[in-house]
Amino acid sequence: MLTINTILKEMKDVPVNRLEELYQFVNSLTPKSKHSQTLRKKILSFGGVFSDMNNKDYEEYLNHLKSSREKIFNRNIDL
């Protein structure tokens, strides 16, 4: 019977330059709901990050962010 320990013993022999490929493969086998939960937790960890900022500073931040986005994304690119 195949066990996690058997698999781990085999994995320790994987060459270092192939570990990223192994990780991506193992990750592809993980149920998508786990990926969604992990992403959700990461996103929610930013909740309240601006709560200690006063309204004036927050408005200034939002204006700066909007201005920066417009500069980056509203430009002509010659291909």
Protein backbone atom coordinates (compact mmCIF):
# COMPACT_ATOMS: atom_id res chain seq x y z
CA MET A 1 0.00 0.00 0.00
CA LEU A 2 1.31 3.43 -1.00
CA THR A 3 1.74 5.85 1.89
CA ILE A 4 2.77 9.48 2.22
CA ASN A 5 6.09 8.35 3.71
CA THR A 6 6.83 6.26 0.63
CA ILE A 7 6.14 9.24 -1.59
CA LEU A 8 8.25 11.56 0.57
CA LYS A 9 11.17 9.13 0.45
CA GLU A 10 11.02 9.22 -3.34
CA MET A 11 10.72 13.00 -3.41
CA LYS A 12 13.92 13.51 -1.43
CA ASP A 13 15.84 12.12 -4.40
CA VAL A 14 14.44 14.67 -6.85
CA PRO A 15 17.26 16.90 -8.17
CA VAL A 16 17.22 20.45 -6.84
CA ASN A 17 16.79 21.93 -10.31
CA ARG A 18 13.51 20.00 -10.72
CA LEU A 19 11.93 20.96 -7.38
CA GLU A 20 9.96 23.85 -8.85
CA GLU A 21 8.49 21.52 -11.46
CA LEU A 22 7.62 18.99 -8.75
CA TYR A 23 6.01 21.67 -6.63
CA GLN A 24 3.89 22.90 -9.54
CA PHE A 25 2.79 19.35 -10.31
CA VAL A 26 1.84 18.61 -6.71
CA ASN A 27 0.10 21.96 -6.50
CA SER A 28 -1.91 21.14 -9.62
CA LEU A 29 -3.28 18.07 -7.84
CA THR A 30 -4.56 20.11 -4.90
CA PRO A 31 -8.31 20.72 -4.92
CA LYS A 32 -9.20 24.19 -6.23
CA SER A 33 -11.26 24.96 -3.14
CA LYS A 34 -8.08 24.90 -1.06
CA HIS A 35 -6.47 27.40 -3.45
CA SER A 36 -9.54 29.60 -3.18
CA GLN A 37 -9.48 29.49 0.62
CA THR A 38 -5.78 30.35 0.71
CA LEU A 39 -6.28 33.27 -1.65
CA ARG A 40 -9.31 34.43 0.34
CA LYS A 41 -7.28 34.40 3.57
CA LYS A 42 -4.48 36.38 1.92
CA ILE A 43 -6.91 38.99 0.61
CA LEU A 44 -8.78 39.27 3.92
CA SER A 45 -5.50 39.73 5.80
CA PHE A 46 -5.39 43.25 4.32
CA GLY A 47 -8.76 44.14 5.83
CA GLY A 48 -8.56 47.19 8.07
CA VAL A 49 -5.05 48.04 6.95
CA PHE A 50 -6.07 51.70 6.46
CA SER A 51 -8.17 51.94 9.63
CA ASP A 52 -5.55 53.99 11.51
CA MET A 53 -5.28 56.53 8.66
CA ASN A 54 -7.26 59.75 8.97
CA ASN A 55 -9.76 60.67 6.22
CA LYS A 56 -7.60 63.39 4.69
CA ASP A 57 -4.57 61.10 4.35
CA TYR A 58 -6.76 58.30 3.00
CA GLU A 59 -8.29 60.58 0.35
CA GLU A 60 -4.80 61.78 -0.60
CA TYR A 61 -3.69 58.15 -0.92
CA LEU A 62 -6.67 57.29 -3.13
CA ASN A 63 -6.03 60.32 -5.37
CA HIS A 64 -2.37 59.40 -5.70
CA LEU A 65 -3.28 55.80 -6.48
CA LYS A 66 -5.78 56.88 -9.14
CA SER A 67 -3.25 59.25 -10.69
CA SER A 68 -0.55 56.58 -10.74
CA ARG A 69 -2.88 54.06 -12.36
CA GLU A 70 -3.89 56.53 -15.04
CA LYS A 71 -0.25 57.27 -15.85
CA ILE A 72 0.60 53.59 -16.09
CA PHE A 73 -2.44 52.27 -17.94
CA ASN A 74 -3.51 55.22 -20.10
CA ARG A 75 -0.47 55.50 -22.30
CA ASN A 76 0.08 54.78 -25.96
CA ILE A 77 2.27 51.83 -26.68
CA ASP A 78 3.77 51.41 -30.12
CA LEU A 79 4.15 47.78 -31.07
